[in-house]
Amino acid sequence: MNIRNELKSLIAQNGTTLKHVCAVLTERTGKSVIGNNITNKIRRNTIKFEEVEQILDVLGYHIEFVRNE
């Protein structure tokens, strides 16, 4: 799974932009969240699990672990 493509797809499916997601995250966390920083973290594979969870929460999704059968 490529997290970059997945997040990009989910953002587009929700009819929003990374800029809007970052604005919501900034409002929720009180910390400045900048789209370029998120993009660079994704590109370098240094994005934290918590950050991905927060982005998904803004988009109305959550991470679920399912055991392979």
N, C-alpha and C. Protein backbone atom coordinates (compact mmCIF):
# COMPACT_ATOMS: atom_id res chain seq x y z
N MET A 1 0.84 -1.18 0.00
CA MET A 1 0.00 0.00 0.00
C MET A 1 0.89 1.24 0.00
N ASN A 2 0.55 2.17 -0.84
CA ASN A 2 1.27 3.43 -0.93
C ASN A 2 0.44 4.50 -0.22
N ILE A 3 0.90 4.94 0.94
CA ILE A 3 0.13 5.86 1.77
C ILE A 3 -0.13 7.17 1.04
N ARG A 4 0.82 7.60 0.23
CA ARG A 4 0.65 8.85 -0.52
C ARG A 4 -0.56 8.77 -1.43
N ASN A 5 -0.61 7.71 -2.22
CA ASN A 5 -1.73 7.54 -3.16
C ASN A 5 -3.05 7.35 -2.44
N GLU A 6 -3.03 6.61 -1.34
CA GLU A 6 -4.26 6.38 -0.58
C GLU A 6 -4.81 7.68 -0.01
N LEU A 7 -3.95 8.47 0.63
CA LEU A 7 -4.41 9.74 1.21
C LEU A 7 -4.88 10.70 0.12
N LYS A 8 -4.12 10.76 -0.96
CA LYS A 8 -4.48 11.63 -2.07
C LYS A 8 -5.86 11.26 -2.62
N SER A 9 -6.08 9.97 -2.76
CA SER A 9 -7.36 9.46 -3.27
C SER A 9 -8.50 9.79 -2.32
N LEU A 10 -8.30 9.56 -1.03
CA LEU A 10 -9.35 9.84 -0.05
C LEU A 10 -9.68 11.33 0.02
N ILE A 11 -8.67 12.17 -0.08
CA ILE A 11 -8.89 13.62 -0.07
C ILE A 11 -9.73 14.01 -1.28
N ALA A 12 -9.39 13.48 -2.44
CA ALA A 12 -10.13 13.79 -3.66
C ALA A 12 -11.56 13.26 -3.59
N GLN A 13 -11.73 12.04 -3.09
CA GLN A 13 -13.06 11.43 -2.98
C GLN A 13 -13.98 12.26 -2.08
N ASN A 14 -13.40 12.94 -1.11
CA ASN A 14 -14.19 13.75 -0.19
C ASN A 14 -14.38 15.17 -0.70
N GLY A 15 -13.90 15.44 -1.90
CA GLY A 15 -14.10 16.75 -2.51
C GLY A 15 -13.43 17.88 -1.76
N THR A 16 -12.28 17.60 -1.17
CA THR A 16 -11.56 18.61 -0.41
C THR A 16 -10.13 18.69 -0.91
N THR A 17 -9.32 19.46 -0.22
CA THR A 17 -7.92 19.62 -0.59
C THR A 17 -7.05 19.37 0.64
N LEU A 18 -5.78 19.13 0.39
CA LEU A 18 -4.84 18.96 1.50
C LEU A 18 -4.75 20.26 2.30
N LYS A 19 -4.88 21.38 1.62
CA LYS A 19 -4.84 22.68 2.29
C LYS A 19 -5.98 22.79 3.31
N HIS A 20 -7.16 22.36 2.92
CA HIS A 20 -8.32 22.40 3.83
C HIS A 20 -8.11 21.44 5.00
N VAL A 21 -7.61 20.24 4.72
CA VAL A 21 -7.35 19.25 5.77
C VAL A 21 -6.35 19.84 6.77
N CYS A 22 -5.31 20.49 6.27
CA CYS A 22 -4.30 21.10 7.15
C CYS A 22 -4.90 22.22 7.99
N ALA A 23 -5.80 23.00 7.40
CA ALA A 23 -6.45 24.08 8.15
C ALA A 23 -7.28 23.51 9.29
N VAL A 24 -7.99 22.42 9.04
CA VAL A 24 -8.79 21.78 10.09
C VAL A 24 -7.88 21.22 11.17
N LEU A 25 -6.79 20.57 10.77
CA LEU A 25 -5.84 20.02 11.74
C LEU A 25 -5.21 21.13 12.59
N THR A 26 -4.89 22.24 11.98
CA THR A 26 -4.33 23.37 12.71
C THR A 26 -5.32 23.86 13.75
N GLU A 27 -6.57 23.95 13.35
CA GLU A 27 -7.62 24.40 14.28
C GLU A 27 -7.81 23.41 15.42
N ARG A 28 -7.79 22.13 15.11
CA ARG A 28 -8.02 21.10 16.14
C ARG A 28 -6.86 20.96 17.11
N THR A 29 -5.64 21.02 16.57
CA THR A 29 -4.47 20.75 17.41
C THR A 29 -3.86 22.00 18.02
N GLY A 30 -4.13 23.15 17.41
CA GLY A 30 -3.51 24.37 17.90
C GLY A 30 -2.07 24.52 17.41
N LYS A 31 -1.61 23.58 16.61
CA LYS A 31 -0.26 23.63 16.03
C LYS A 31 -0.39 23.88 14.54
N SER A 32 0.55 24.62 14.00
CA SER A 32 0.53 24.92 12.57
C SER A 32 0.83 23.66 11.77
N VAL A 33 -0.11 23.26 10.92
CA VAL A 33 0.07 22.11 10.04
C VAL A 33 0.07 22.64 8.62
N ILE A 34 1.19 22.41 7.92
CA ILE A 34 1.38 22.95 6.57
C ILE A 34 1.41 21.80 5.57
N GLY A 35 0.69 21.99 4.48
CA GLY A 35 0.58 20.96 3.45
C GLY A 35 1.91 20.48 2.92
N ASN A 36 2.83 21.40 2.68
CA ASN A 36 4.15 21.00 2.17
C ASN A 36 4.89 20.11 3.15
N ASN A 37 4.74 20.39 4.45
CA ASN A 37 5.40 19.55 5.45
C ASN A 37 4.82 18.14 5.43
N ILE A 38 3.49 18.04 5.32
CA ILE A 38 2.85 16.73 5.27
C ILE A 38 3.29 15.99 4.01
N THR A 39 3.28 16.68 2.88
CA THR A 39 3.69 16.08 1.61
C THR A 39 5.12 15.57 1.69
N ASN A 40 6.01 16.36 2.26
CA ASN A 40 7.42 15.95 2.39
C ASN A 40 7.57 14.75 3.31
N LYS A 41 6.82 14.73 4.40
CA LYS A 41 6.89 13.58 5.32
C LYS A 41 6.43 12.31 4.62
N ILE A 42 5.37 12.43 3.84
CA ILE A 42 4.86 11.26 3.11
C ILE A 42 5.90 10.80 2.09
N ARG A 43 6.48 11.74 1.37
CA ARG A 43 7.47 11.41 0.34
C ARG A 43 8.70 10.73 0.95
N ARG A 44 9.12 11.20 2.14
CA ARG A 44 10.31 10.63 2.80
C ARG A 44 10.00 9.42 3.68
N ASN A 45 8.71 9.06 3.74
CA ASN A 45 8.26 7.96 4.60
C ASN A 45 8.59 8.21 6.07
N THR A 46 8.41 9.45 6.50
CA THR A 46 8.67 9.79 7.90
C THR A 46 7.41 10.28 8.61
N ILE A 47 6.26 10.16 7.96
CA ILE A 47 5.00 10.60 8.58
C ILE A 47 4.67 9.66 9.73
N LYS A 48 4.21 10.22 10.81
CA LYS A 48 3.88 9.42 11.99
C LYS A 48 2.49 8.81 11.85
N PHE A 49 2.33 7.66 12.48
CA PHE A 49 1.05 6.97 12.48
C PHE A 49 -0.05 7.89 13.01
N GLU A 50 0.26 8.62 14.05
CA GLU A 50 -0.70 9.55 14.66
C GLU A 50 -1.14 10.63 13.67
N GLU A 51 -0.20 11.11 12.86
CA GLU A 51 -0.53 12.13 11.88
C GLU A 51 -1.47 11.58 10.81
N VAL A 52 -1.22 10.35 10.39
CA VAL A 52 -2.11 9.71 9.42
C VAL A 52 -3.50 9.54 10.03
N GLU A 53 -3.55 9.11 11.29
CA GLU A 53 -4.84 8.95 11.98
C GLU A 53 -5.59 10.28 12.03
N GLN A 54 -4.89 11.36 12.31
CA GLN A 54 -5.53 12.67 12.39
C GLN A 54 -6.07 13.11 11.03
N ILE A 55 -5.31 12.88 9.97
CA ILE A 55 -5.76 13.22 8.63
C ILE A 55 -7.00 12.41 8.28
N LEU A 56 -6.96 11.12 8.58
CA LEU A 56 -8.10 10.26 8.28
C LEU A 56 -9.32 10.68 9.09
N ASP A 57 -9.13 11.11 10.31
CA ASP A 57 -10.24 11.56 11.14
C ASP A 57 -10.93 12.78 10.52
N VAL A 58 -10.14 13.72 10.02
CA VAL A 58 -10.70 14.89 9.35
C VAL A 58 -11.55 14.45 8.15
N LEU A 59 -11.10 13.41 7.46
CA LEU A 59 -11.80 12.92 6.27
C LEU A 59 -12.96 11.99 6.60
N GLY A 60 -13.09 11.63 7.89
CA GLY A 60 -14.19 10.76 8.30
C GLY A 60 -13.87 9.28 8.20
N TYR A 61 -12.60 8.93 8.28
CA TYR A 61 -12.17 7.53 8.20
C TYR A 61 -11.39 7.15 9.46
N HIS A 62 -11.16 5.88 9.63
CA HIS A 62 -10.31 5.38 10.71
C HIS A 62 -9.54 4.17 10.20
N ILE A 63 -8.50 3.82 10.91
CA ILE A 63 -7.68 2.66 10.56
C ILE A 63 -8.21 1.47 11.31
N GLU A 64 -8.32 0.37 10.63
CA GLU A 64 -8.80 -0.86 11.25
C GLU A 64 -7.86 -1.99 10.88
N PHE A 65 -7.43 -2.74 11.87
CA PHE A 65 -6.56 -3.88 11.63
C PHE A 65 -7.42 -5.14 11.57
N VAL A 66 -7.26 -5.88 10.47
CA VAL A 66 -8.04 -7.10 10.26
C VAL A 66 -7.07 -8.24 10.05
N ARG A 67 -7.26 -9.31 10.79
CA ARG A 67 -6.39 -10.48 10.68
C ARG A 67 -6.60 -11.17 9.34
N ASN A 68 -5.50 -11.51 8.67
CA ASN A 68 -5.59 -12.30 7.45
C ASN A 68 -6.05 -13.70 7.78
N GLU A 69 -6.86 -14.25 6.93
CA GLU A 69 -7.34 -15.60 7.19
C GLU A 69 -6.71 -16.59 6.26
